[in-house]
C-alpha atoms as a PDB file:
ATOM      1  CA  UNK A   1     175.364 -14.589 -19.824  1.00  0.00           C
ATOM      2  CA  UNK A   2     174.197 -11.546 -17.806  1.00  0.00           C
ATOM      3  CA  UNK A   3     177.111  -9.451 -19.066  1.00  0.00           C
ATOM      4  CA  UNK A   4     176.342 -10.324 -22.667  1.00  0.00           C
ATOM      5  CA  UNK A   5     172.700  -9.280 -22.223  1.00  0.00           C
ATOM      6  CA  UNK A   6     173.719  -5.983 -20.683  1.00  0.00           C
ATOM      7  CA  UNK A   7     176.033  -5.305 -23.617  1.00  0.00           C
ATOM      8  CA  UNK A   8     173.272  -6.055 -26.109  1.00  0.00           C
ATOM      9  CA  UNK A   9     172.397  -2.715 -27.877  1.00  0.00           C
ATOM     10  CA  UNK A  10     168.714  -3.641 -28.174  1.00  0.00           C
ATOM     11  CA  UNK A  11     168.490  -4.330 -24.463  1.00  0.00           C
ATOM     12  CA  UNK A  12     170.197  -1.044 -23.627  1.00  0.00           C
ATOM     13  CA  UNK A  13     167.733   0.914 -25.801  1.00  0.00           C
ATOM     14  CA  UNK A  14     164.772  -0.800 -24.154  1.00  0.00           C
ATOM     15  CA  UNK A  15     166.221  -0.128 -20.698  1.00  0.00           C
ATOM     16  CA  UNK A  16     166.712   3.541 -21.549  1.00  0.00           C
ATOM     17  CA  UNK A  17     163.096   3.826 -22.718  1.00  0.00           C
ATOM     18  CA  UNK A  18     161.834   2.154 -19.556  1.00  0.00           C
ATOM     19  CA  UNK A  19     163.878   4.564 -17.428  1.00  0.00           C
ATOM     20  CA  UNK A  20     162.596   7.612 -19.314  1.00  0.00           C
ATOM     21  CA  UNK A  21     158.999   6.388 -19.017  1.00  0.00           C
ATOM     22  CA  UNK A  22     159.399   5.783 -15.294  1.00  0.00           C
ATOM     23  CA  UNK A  23     160.800   9.286 -14.699  1.00  0.00           C
ATOM     24  CA  UNK A  24     157.948  10.802 -16.754  1.00  0.00           C
ATOM     25  CA  UNK A  25     155.317   8.942 -14.709  1.00  0.00           C
ATOM     26  CA  UNK A  26     156.943  10.008 -11.424  1.00  0.00           C
ATOM     27  CA  UNK A  27     156.919  13.634 -12.575  1.00  0.00           C
ATOM     28  CA  UNK A  28     153.228  13.401 -13.480  1.00  0.00           C
ATOM     29  CA  UNK A  29     152.439  11.972 -10.049  1.00  0.00           C
ATOM     30  CA  UNK A  30     154.506  14.532  -8.155  1.00  0.00           C
ATOM     31  CA  UNK A  31     153.445  17.574 -10.206  1.00  0.00           C
ATOM     32  CA  UNK A  32     150.184  18.196  -8.326  1.00  0.00           C
ATOM     33  CA  UNK A  33     152.049  17.888  -5.029  1.00  0.00           C
ATOM     34  CA  UNK A  34     154.730  20.312  -6.151  1.00  0.00           C
ATOM     35  CA  UNK A  35     152.181  22.777  -7.496  1.00  0.00           C
ATOM     36  CA  UNK A  36     150.129  22.488  -4.304  1.00  0.00           C
ATOM     37  CA  UNK A  37     153.104  23.319  -2.132  1.00  0.00           C
ATOM     38  CA  UNK A  38     153.890  26.359  -4.281  1.00  0.00           C
ATOM     39  CA  UNK A  39     150.345  27.739  -4.339  1.00  0.00           C
ATOM     40  CA  UNK A  40     149.432  30.748  -2.259  1.00  0.00           C
ATOM     41  CA  UNK A  41     145.885  30.885  -1.012  1.00  0.00           C
ATOM     42  CA  UNK A  42     144.084  34.198  -1.033  1.00  0.00           C
ATOM     43  CA  UNK A  43     141.204  34.833   1.347  1.00  0.00           C
ATOM     44  CA  UNK A  44     137.758  35.274  -0.199  1.00  0.00           C
ATOM     45  CA  UNK A  45     136.861  38.813  -1.263  1.00  0.00           C
ATOM     46  CA  UNK A  46     135.188  41.163   1.183  1.00  0.00           C
ATOM     47  CA  UNK A  47     131.407  41.315   0.844  1.00  0.00           C
ATOM     48  CA  UNK A  48     128.910  43.401   2.786  1.00  0.00           C
ATOM     49  CA  UNK A  49     125.275  42.397   3.286  1.00  0.00           C
ATOM     50  CA  UNK A  50     122.537  44.479   4.862  1.00  0.00           C
ATOM     51  CA  UNK A  51     120.904  42.650   7.772  1.00  0.00           C
ATOM     52  CA  UNK A  52     118.340  45.112   9.063  1.00  0.00           C
ATOM     53  CA  UNK A  53     118.056  48.896   9.213  1.00  0.00           C
ATOM     54  CA  UNK A  54     121.602  50.291   9.370  1.00  0.00           C
ATOM     55  CA  UNK A  55     123.233  47.006  10.451  1.00  0.00           C
ATOM     56  CA  UNK A  56     125.570  45.365   7.933  1.00  0.00           C
ATOM     57  CA  UNK A  57     127.290  41.969   7.954  1.00  0.00           C
ATOM     58  CA  UNK A  58     130.882  41.894   6.578  1.00  0.00           C
ATOM     59  CA  UNK A  59     132.207  38.543   5.324  1.00  0.00           C
ATOM     60  CA  UNK A  60     135.387  37.506   3.576  1.00  0.00           C
ATOM     61  CA  UNK A  61     138.950  38.645   3.859  1.00  0.00           C
ATOM     62  CA  UNK A  62     141.302  37.210   6.446  1.00  0.00           C
ATOM     63  CA  UNK A  63     139.751  36.791   9.872  1.00  0.00           C
ATOM     64  CA  UNK A  64     136.328  36.723  11.453  1.00  0.00           C
ATOM     65  CA  UNK A  65     133.102  38.358  10.346  1.00  0.00           C
ATOM     66  CA  UNK A  66     132.821  42.054  11.136  1.00  0.00           C
ATOM     67  CA  UNK A  67     129.833  44.395  11.334  1.00  0.00           C
ATOM     68  CA  UNK A  68     129.112  47.934  10.208  1.00  0.00           C
ATOM     69  CA  UNK A  69     126.708  50.456  11.727  1.00  0.00           C
ATOM     70  CA  UNK A  70     126.680  53.755   9.806  1.00  0.00           C
ATOM     71  CA  UNK A  71     125.735  56.776  11.884  1.00  0.00           C
ATOM     72  CA  UNK A  72     124.777  60.308  10.897  1.00  0.00           C
ATOM     73  CA  UNK A  73     128.351  61.615  10.771  1.00  0.00           C
ATOM     74  CA  UNK A  74     130.616  58.562  10.981  1.00  0.00           C
ATOM     75  CA  UNK A  75     130.737  54.765  10.871  1.00  0.00           C
ATOM     76  CA  UNK A  76     130.956  52.295  13.741  1.00  0.00           C
ATOM     77  CA  UNK A  77     132.810  49.031  13.075  1.00  0.00           C
ATOM     78  CA  UNK A  78     132.633  45.874  15.175  1.00  0.00           C
ATOM     79  CA  UNK A  79     135.928  43.930  15.093  1.00  0.00           C
ATOM     80  CA  UNK A  80     138.799  44.379  12.688  1.00  0.00           C
ATOM     81  CA  UNK A  81     139.760  41.223  10.686  1.00  0.00           C
ATOM     82  CA  UNK A  82     143.108  39.454  11.075  1.00  0.00           C
ATOM     83  CA  UNK A  83     145.490  41.291   8.750  1.00  0.00           C
ATOM     84  CA  UNK A  84     146.193  44.896   7.900  1.00  0.00           C
ATOM     85  CA  UNK A  85     145.488  44.191   4.222  1.00  0.00           C
ATOM     86  CA  UNK A  86     142.048  42.723   4.918  1.00  0.00           C
ATOM     87  CA  UNK A  87     141.280  45.610   7.282  1.00  0.00           C
ATOM     88  CA  UNK A  88     142.142  48.168   4.602  1.00  0.00           C
ATOM     89  CA  UNK A  89     140.181  46.261   1.963  1.00  0.00           C
ATOM     90  CA  UNK A  90     137.209  46.173   4.333  1.00  0.00           C
ATOM     91  CA  UNK A  91     137.381  49.941   4.805  1.00  0.00           C
ATOM     92  CA  UNK A  92     137.412  50.396   1.020  1.00  0.00           C
ATOM     93  CA  UNK A  93     134.273  48.267   0.677  1.00  0.00           C
ATOM     94  CA  UNK A  94     132.606  50.102   3.553  1.00  0.00           C
ATOM     95  CA  UNK A  95     133.095  53.385   1.692  1.00  0.00           C
ATOM     96  CA  UNK A  96     130.883  52.016  -1.081  1.00  0.00           C
ATOM     97  CA  UNK A  97     128.108  51.540   1.475  1.00  0.00           C
ATOM     98  CA  UNK A  98     128.723  54.619   3.600  1.00  0.00           C
ATOM     99  CA  UNK A  99     131.358  57.195   2.576  1.00  0.00           C
ATOM    100  CA  UNK A 100     131.475  58.561   6.119  1.00  0.00           C
ATOM    101  CA  UNK A 101     134.739  58.425   8.137  1.00  0.00           C
ATOM    102  CA  UNK A 102     135.402  55.696  10.676  1.00  0.00           C
ATOM    103  CA  UNK A 103     134.412  57.047  14.071  1.00  0.00           C
ATOM    104  CA  UNK A 104     134.515  54.076  16.461  1.00  0.00           C
ATOM    105  CA  UNK A 105     135.584  50.440  16.647  1.00  0.00           C
ATOM    106  CA  UNK A 106     134.085  48.045  19.199  1.00  0.00           C
ATOM    107  CA  UNK A 107     136.003  44.824  19.878  1.00  0.00           C
ATOM    108  CA  UNK A 108     134.026  41.739  20.913  1.00  0.00           C
ATOM    109  CA  UNK A 109     137.116  40.043  22.421  1.00  0.00           C
ATOM    110  CA  UNK A 110     140.883  39.718  22.097  1.00  0.00           C
ATOM    111  CA  UNK A 111     141.424  36.897  19.562  1.00  0.00           C
ATOM    112  CA  UNK A 112     143.841  37.717  16.762  1.00  0.00           C
ATOM    113  CA  UNK A 113     141.361  37.041  13.963  1.00  0.00           C
ATOM    114  CA  UNK A 114     139.223  39.861  15.399  1.00  0.00           C
ATOM    115  CA  UNK A 115     141.861  42.455  16.348  1.00  0.00           C
ATOM    116  CA  UNK A 116     145.122  42.037  14.407  1.00  0.00           C
ATOM    117  CA  UNK A 117     143.743  43.924  11.416  1.00  0.00           C
ATOM    118  CA  UNK A 118     143.973  47.074  13.529  1.00  0.00           C
ATOM    119  CA  UNK A 119     147.581  47.236  12.347  1.00  0.00           C
ATOM    120  CA  UNK A 120     146.130  48.704   9.164  1.00  0.00           C
ATOM    121  CA  UNK A 121     144.403  51.528  11.012  1.00  0.00           C
ATOM    122  CA  UNK A 122     145.555  54.997   9.997  1.00  0.00           C
ATOM    123  CA  UNK A 123     144.875  57.915  12.267  1.00  0.00           C
ATOM    124  CA  UNK A 124     143.277  58.054  15.698  1.00  0.00           C
ATOM    125  CA  UNK A 125     139.961  56.251  16.166  1.00  0.00           C
ATOM    126  CA  UNK A 126     138.148  55.496  19.406  1.00  0.00           C
ATOM    127  CA  UNK A 127     138.500  51.762  20.176  1.00  0.00           C
ATOM    128  CA  UNK A 128     136.147  50.425  22.836  1.00  0.00           C
ATOM    129  CA  UNK A 129     136.353  47.004  24.531  1.00  0.00           C
ATOM    130  CA  UNK A 130     135.821  45.269  27.833  1.00  0.00           C
ATOM    131  CA  UNK A 131     138.574  45.851  30.399  1.00  0.00           C
ATOM    132  CA  UNK A 132     139.564  42.165  30.313  1.00  0.00           C
ATOM    133  CA  UNK A 133     139.978  42.342  26.542  1.00  0.00           C
ATOM    134  CA  UNK A 134     142.395  45.237  27.039  1.00  0.00           C
ATOM    135  CA  UNK A 135     144.322  43.196  29.613  1.00  0.00           C
ATOM    136  CA  UNK A 136     144.440  40.141  27.326  1.00  0.00           C
ATOM    137  CA  UNK A 137     145.875  42.288  24.520  1.00  0.00           C
ATOM    138  CA  UNK A 138     148.668  43.734  26.670  1.00  0.00           C
ATOM    139  CA  UNK A 139     151.127  40.785  26.368  1.00  0.00           C
ATOM    140  CA  UNK A 140     151.055  41.042  22.557  1.00  0.00           C
ATOM    141  CA  UNK A 141     151.743  44.759  22.701  1.00  0.00           C
ATOM    142  CA  UNK A 142     154.505  44.283  25.282  1.00  0.00           C
ATOM    143  CA  UNK A 143     156.224  41.856  22.900  1.00  0.00           C
ATOM    144  CA  UNK A 144     155.686  44.178  19.922  1.00  0.00           C
ATOM    145  CA  UNK A 145     155.711  47.788  21.188  1.00  0.00           C
ATOM    146  CA  UNK A 146     154.779  49.261  17.798  1.00  0.00           C
ATOM    147  CA  UNK A 147     151.361  47.624  18.231  1.00  0.00           C
ATOM    148  CA  UNK A 148     150.447  49.936  21.116  1.00  0.00           C
ATOM    149  CA  UNK A 149     148.184  51.848  18.732  1.00  0.00           C
ATOM    150  CA  UNK A 150     145.840  48.851  18.475  1.00  0.00           C
ATOM    151  CA  UNK A 151     145.042  48.848  22.198  1.00  0.00           C
ATOM    152  CA  UNK A 152     141.528  49.942  23.182  1.00  0.00           C
ATOM    153  CA  UNK A 153     141.405  53.630  24.010  1.00  0.00           C
ATOM    154  CA  UNK A 154     138.422  53.135  26.306  1.00  0.00           C
ATOM    155  CA  UNK A 155     137.104  50.198  28.332  1.00  0.00           C
ATOM    156  CA  UNK A 156     134.005  49.278  30.314  1.00  0.00           C
ATOM    157  CA  UNK A 157     133.173  46.768  33.046  1.00  0.00           C
ATOM    158  CA  UNK A 158     129.800  44.978  33.194  1.00  0.00           C
ATOM    159  CA  UNK A 159     127.794  47.036  30.710  1.00  0.00           C
ATOM    160  CA  UNK A 160     127.830  50.248  28.716  1.00  0.00           C
ATOM    161  CA  UNK A 161     125.078  52.027  26.785  1.00  0.00           C
ATOM    162  CA  UNK A 162     126.149  53.981  23.719  1.00  0.00           C
ATOM    163  CA  UNK A 163     124.030  56.336  21.654  1.00  0.00           C
ATOM    164  CA  UNK A 164     125.984  56.183  18.440  1.00  0.00           C
ATOM    165  CA  UNK A 165     124.619  58.981  16.300  1.00  0.00           C
ATOM    166  CA  UNK A 166     121.039  57.787  16.511  1.00  0.00           C
ATOM    167  CA  UNK A 167     121.571  54.073  17.160  1.00  0.00           C
ATOM    168  CA  UNK A 168     121.352  52.845  20.749  1.00  0.00           C
ATOM    169  CA  UNK A 169     123.774  50.041  21.574  1.00  0.00           C
ATOM    170  CA  UNK A 170     124.037  48.161  24.851  1.00  0.00           C
ATOM    171  CA  UNK A 171     127.351  46.430  25.466  1.00  0.00           C
ATOM    172  CA  UNK A 172     127.242  43.658  28.047  1.00  0.00           C
ATOM    173  CA  UNK A 173     129.658  41.181  29.550  1.00  0.00           C
ATOM    174  CA  UNK A 174     128.058  38.300  31.474  1.00  0.00           C
ATOM    175  CA  UNK A 175     131.346  36.991  32.847  1.00  0.00           C
ATOM    176  CA  UNK A 176     134.001  34.665  31.373  1.00  0.00           C
ATOM    177  CA  UNK A 177     132.727  32.495  28.497  1.00  0.00           C
ATOM    178  CA  UNK A 178     134.737  32.190  25.269  1.00  0.00           C
ATOM    179  CA  UNK A 179     137.264  34.524  26.916  1.00  0.00           C
ATOM    180  CA  UNK A 180     137.106  36.634  30.071  1.00  0.00           C
ATOM    181  CA  UNK A 181     136.344  39.805  28.092  1.00  0.00           C
ATOM    182  CA  UNK A 182     133.524  38.832  25.730  1.00  0.00           C
ATOM    183  CA  UNK A 183     131.283  41.705  24.662  1.00  0.00           C
ATOM    184  CA  UNK A 184     127.763  41.146  23.357  1.00  0.00           C
ATOM    185  CA  UNK A 185     126.305  44.145  21.562  1.00  0.00           C
ATOM    186  CA  UNK A 186     122.521  44.392  21.819  1.00  0.00           C
ATOM    187  CA  UNK A 187     120.699  46.647  19.371  1.00  0.00           C
ATOM    188  CA  UNK A 188     117.269  46.477  20.992  1.00  0.00           C
ATOM    189  CA  UNK A 189     115.331  48.546  18.467  1.00  0.00           C
ATOM    190  CA  UNK A 190     116.362  46.189  15.656  1.00  0.00           C
ATOM    191  CA  UNK A 191     116.137  43.046  17.853  1.00  0.00           C
ATOM    192  CA  UNK A 192     119.704  42.199  16.817  1.00  0.00           C
ATOM    193  CA  UNK A 193     122.704  41.056  18.872  1.00  0.00           C
ATOM    194  CA  UNK A 194     126.356  40.843  17.783  1.00  0.00           C
ATOM    195  CA  UNK A 195     127.944  38.014  19.743  1.00  0.00           C
ATOM    196  CA  UNK A 196     131.611  37.626  18.775  1.00  0.00           C
ATOM    197  CA  UNK A 197     132.718  33.981  19.150  1.00  0.00           C
ATOM    198  CA  UNK A 198     129.774  32.811  21.242  1.00  0.00           C
ATOM    199  CA  UNK A 199     128.050  30.832  18.499  1.00  0.00           C
ATOM    200  CA  UNK A 200     129.512  27.908  16.587  1.00  0.00           C
ATOM    201  CA  UNK A 201     127.290  25.514  14.681  1.00  0.00           C
ATOM    202  CA  UNK A 202     128.279  22.054  13.464  1.00  0.00           C
ATOM    203  CA  UNK A 203     131.362  22.000  15.678  1.00  0.00           C
ATOM    204  CA  UNK A 204     132.274  22.374  19.336  1.00  0.00           C
ATOM    205  CA  UNK A 205     132.590  25.949  20.580  1.00  0.00           C
ATOM    206  CA  UNK A 206     136.035  27.276  21.393  1.00  0.00           C
ATOM    207  CA  UNK A 207     136.730  28.078  25.027  1.00  0.00           C
ATOM    208  CA  UNK A 208     140.082  29.701  25.691  1.00  0.00           C
ATOM    209  CA  UNK A 209     141.193  28.503  29.110  1.00  0.00           C
ATOM    210  CA  UNK A 210     144.372  30.583  28.798  1.00  0.00           C
ATOM    211  CA  UNK A 211     142.078  33.631  28.670  1.00  0.00           C
ATOM    212  CA  UNK A 212     139.994  32.348  31.598  1.00  0.00           C
ATOM    213  CA  UNK A 213     137.108  31.211  29.416  1.00  0.00           C
ATOM    214  CA  UNK A 214     134.737  28.655  30.970  1.00  0.00           C
ATOM    215  CA  UNK A 215     132.192  26.143  29.702  1.00  0.00           C
ATOM    216  CA  UNK A 216     129.609  26.985  32.345  1.00  0.00           C
ATOM    217  CA  UNK A 217     130.141  30.683  31.711  1.00  0.00           C
ATOM    218  CA  UNK A 218     129.610  30.001  28.018  1.00  0.00           C
ATOM    219  CA  UNK A 219     126.254  28.348  28.772  1.00  0.00           C
ATOM    220  CA  UNK A 220     125.301  31.198  31.090  1.00  0.00           C
ATOM    221  CA  UNK A 221     126.072  33.802  28.441  1.00  0.00           C
ATOM    222  CA  UNK A 222     124.139  31.989  25.701  1.00  0.00           C
ATOM    223  CA  UNK A 223     121.112  31.799  27.991  1.00  0.00           C
ATOM    224  CA  UNK A 224     121.466  35.477  28.929  1.00  0.00           C
ATOM    225  CA  UNK A 225     121.383  36.344  25.230  1.00  0.00           C
ATOM    226  CA  UNK A 226     118.074  34.507  24.858  1.00  0.00           C
ATOM    227  CA  UNK A 227     116.665  36.046  28.056  1.00  0.00           C
ATOM    228  CA  UNK A 228     117.492  39.617  27.024  1.00  0.00           C
ATOM    229  CA  UNK A 229     114.498  41.958  26.706  1.00  0.00           C
ATOM    230  CA  UNK A 230     113.201  42.904  24.249  1.00  0.00           C
ATOM    231  CA  UNK A 231     113.751  39.460  22.739  1.00  0.00           C
ATOM    232  CA  UNK A 232     116.524  39.268  20.174  1.00  0.00           C
ATOM    233  CA  UNK A 233     115.501  37.800  16.826  1.00  0.00           C
ATOM    234  CA  UNK A 234     118.799  37.851  14.906  1.00  0.00           C
ATOM    235  CA  UNK A 235     122.144  36.768  16.355  1.00  0.00           C
ATOM    236  CA  UNK A 236     125.266  37.744  14.423  1.00  0.00           C
ATOM    237  CA  UNK A 237     128.553  35.997  15.173  1.00  0.00           C
ATOM    238  CA  UNK A 238     132.156  35.955  14.084  1.00  0.00           C
ATOM    239  CA  UNK A 239     132.142  32.532  12.430  1.00  0.00           C
ATOM    240  CA  UNK A 240     128.596  31.703  11.352  1.00  0.00           C
ATOM    241  CA  UNK A 241     125.769  33.023   9.241  1.00  0.00           C
ATOM    242  CA  UNK A 242     123.007  35.010  10.983  1.00  0.00           C
ATOM    243  CA  UNK A 243     121.067  32.763  13.386  1.00  0.00           C
ATOM    244  CA  UNK A 244     117.637  32.870  15.001  1.00  0.00           C
ATOM    245  CA  UNK A 245     116.416  32.089  18.495  1.00  0.00           C
ATOM    246  CA  UNK A 246     115.718  28.454  17.667  1.00  0.00           C
ATOM    247  CA  UNK A 247     119.305  27.838  16.602  1.00  0.00           C
ATOM    248  CA  UNK A 248     120.682  29.375  19.790  1.00  0.00           C
ATOM    249  CA  UNK A 249     118.237  27.340  21.884  1.00  0.00           C
ATOM    250  CA  UNK A 250     119.290  24.145  20.101  1.00  0.00           C
ATOM    251  CA  UNK A 251     122.951  25.025  20.675  1.00  0.00           C
ATOM    252  CA  UNK A 252     122.321  25.374  24.415  1.00  0.00           C
ATOM    253  CA  UNK A 253     120.471  22.051  24.488  1.00  0.00           C
ATOM    254  CA  UNK A 254     123.254  20.229  22.651  1.00  0.00           C
ATOM    255  CA  UNK A 255     125.886  21.579  25.063  1.00  0.00           C
ATOM    256  CA  UNK A 256     123.808  20.594  28.085  1.00  0.00           C
ATOM    257  CA  UNK A 257     123.385  17.086  26.654  1.00  0.00           C
ATOM    258  CA  UNK A 258     127.153  16.807  26.279  1.00  0.00           C
ATOM    259  CA  UNK A 259     127.624  17.984  29.862  1.00  0.00           C
ATOM    260  CA  UNK A 260     125.071  15.428  31.133  1.00  0.00           C
ATOM    261  CA  UNK A 261     126.856  12.635  29.260  1.00  0.00           C
ATOM    262  CA  UNK A 262     130.212  13.626  30.738  1.00  0.00           C
ATOM    263  CA  UNK A 263     128.675  13.627  34.242  1.00  0.00           C
ATOM    264  CA  UNK A 264     127.196  10.192  33.643  1.00  0.00           C
ATOM    265  CA  UNK A 265     130.568   8.776  32.607  1.00  0.00           C
ATOM    266  CA  UNK A 266     132.276  10.390  35.603  1.00  0.00           C
ATOM    267  CA  UNK A 267     129.716   8.775  37.901  1.00  0.00           C
ATOM    268  CA  UNK A 268     130.526   5.444  36.259  1.00  0.00           C
ATOM    269  CA  UNK A 269     134.121   5.900  37.348  1.00  0.00           C
ATOM    270  CA  UNK A 270     135.508   6.551  33.862  1.00  0.00           C
ATOM    271  CA  UNK A 271     138.842   8.305  33.495  1.00  0.00           C
ATOM    272  CA  UNK A 272     139.309  11.401  31.357  1.00  0.00           C
ATOM    273  CA  UNK A 273     140.966   9.347  28.627  1.00  0.00           C
ATOM    274  CA  UNK A 274     138.074   6.862  28.638  1.00  0.00           C
ATOM    275  CA  UNK A 275     135.571   9.722  28.435  1.00  0.00           C
ATOM    276  CA  UNK A 276     137.415  11.310  25.529  1.00  0.00           C
ATOM    277  CA  UNK A 277     137.456   7.933  23.792  1.00  0.00           C
ATOM    278  CA  UNK A 278     133.684   7.579  24.367  1.00  0.00           C
ATOM    279  CA  UNK A 279     133.177  10.908  22.560  1.00  0.00           C
ATOM    280  CA  UNK A 280     135.479   9.911  19.721  1.00  0.00           C
ATOM    281  CA  UNK A 281     138.153  12.457  20.630  1.00  0.00           C
ATOM    282  CA  UNK A 282     141.336  11.406  18.864  1.00  0.00           C
ATOM    283  CA  UNK A 283     144.627  11.711  20.688  1.00  0.00           C
ATOM    284  CA  UNK A 284     147.060  14.001  18.824  1.00  0.00           C
ATOM    285  CA  UNK A 285     149.874  12.297  16.926  1.00  0.00           C
ATOM    286  CA  UNK A 286     153.189  12.018  18.727  1.00  0.00           C
ATOM    287  CA  UNK A 287     155.118  15.263  18.533  1.00  0.00           C
ATOM    288  CA  UNK A 288     152.067  17.271  17.463  1.00  0.00           C
ATOM    289  CA  UNK A 289     151.563  20.393  19.601  1.00  0.00           C
ATOM    290  CA  UNK A 290     148.148  20.623  21.279  1.00  0.00           C
ATOM    291  CA  UNK A 291     146.730  24.094  20.632  1.00  0.00           C
ATOM    292  CA  UNK A 292     143.804  23.812  23.024  1.00  0.00           C
ATOM    293  CA  UNK A 293     142.054  21.103  25.051  1.00  0.00           C
ATOM    294  CA  UNK A 294     138.912  19.594  23.468  1.00  0.00           C
ATOM    295  CA  UNK A 295     135.538  20.685  24.827  1.00  0.00           C
ATOM    296  CA  UNK A 296     134.927  17.316  26.533  1.00  0.00           C
ATOM    297  CA  UNK A 297     138.125  17.741  28.535  1.00  0.00           C
ATOM    298  CA  UNK A 298     137.139  21.283  29.560  1.00  0.00           C
ATOM    299  CA  UNK A 299     133.713  20.090  30.716  1.00  0.00           C
ATOM    300  CA  UNK A 300     135.331  17.217  32.636  1.00  0.00           C
ATOM    301  CA  UNK A 301     137.822  19.499  34.384  1.00  0.00           C
ATOM    302  CA  UNK A 302     135.210  22.082  35.342  1.00  0.00           C
ATOM    303  CA  UNK A 303     132.904  19.389  36.778  1.00  0.00           C
ATOM    304  CA  UNK A 304     135.766  17.861  38.756  1.00  0.00           C
ATOM    305  CA  UNK A 305     136.858  21.288  40.043  1.00  0.00           C
ATOM    306  CA  UNK A 306     133.406  21.766  41.580  1.00  0.00           C
ATOM    307  CA  UNK A 307     133.527  18.479  43.466  1.00  0.00           C
END
């Protein structure tokens, strides 16, 4: 009976049509997935916005926000994007704002999305950073000797005042925070500060323990930025839009509330895993590498280290 049905020409035609239809539907379903895997994503175009006076905010490209301060004879750039291509594109856009040559680069810290674009630098330019930033960049250069040209050519310790062709900048490091070599650039006359990775909104801040960053140092540095005189009105960071004093104050408050909650749970005898669960921190899937500990874990460890 079954064999006779299979040999029936009408049945075989219908079966062939069903098979073709099924393959067609599968292709339609898989097409977006296939296309998605083949797509290459380009970073957003570079754009430059004037903030105040001769201070410009540079967005787009690959990597963190950068900042431009044109002088009388040359340009000062803060940070350098993540790729050589984005760095070169940024320099092209800068020329539309100020056709002066690049005279100095100040690095806020050593993260790749702020410094790796220096690979696109042509010619000798003064690169200034905190001494710890220089030290944190050394392992990368030791692994890739041709990158020695991206190392800072000059470093400072606690603070440095620069008169860059008419603009007075004060570089300060208040101790380990996001990293051990964070530089905050205060431009007192404009009431502006450039803060690197010291301001994240809508997400936990990043604290690089492998670069000796600390939660309590992070809080200390945020407060020092607010306490600076004359009072800063505009805070510019690597991963957020310009912020005001109220936003920074609210950020400090939210971090202190998180710290207080962690302390409360510790006093209740909760384990780290129980505390992470209370904050909704999801454990990584099996086999997934952990890039960095969550903020709650960092707060927990720093509190316990002080006991």
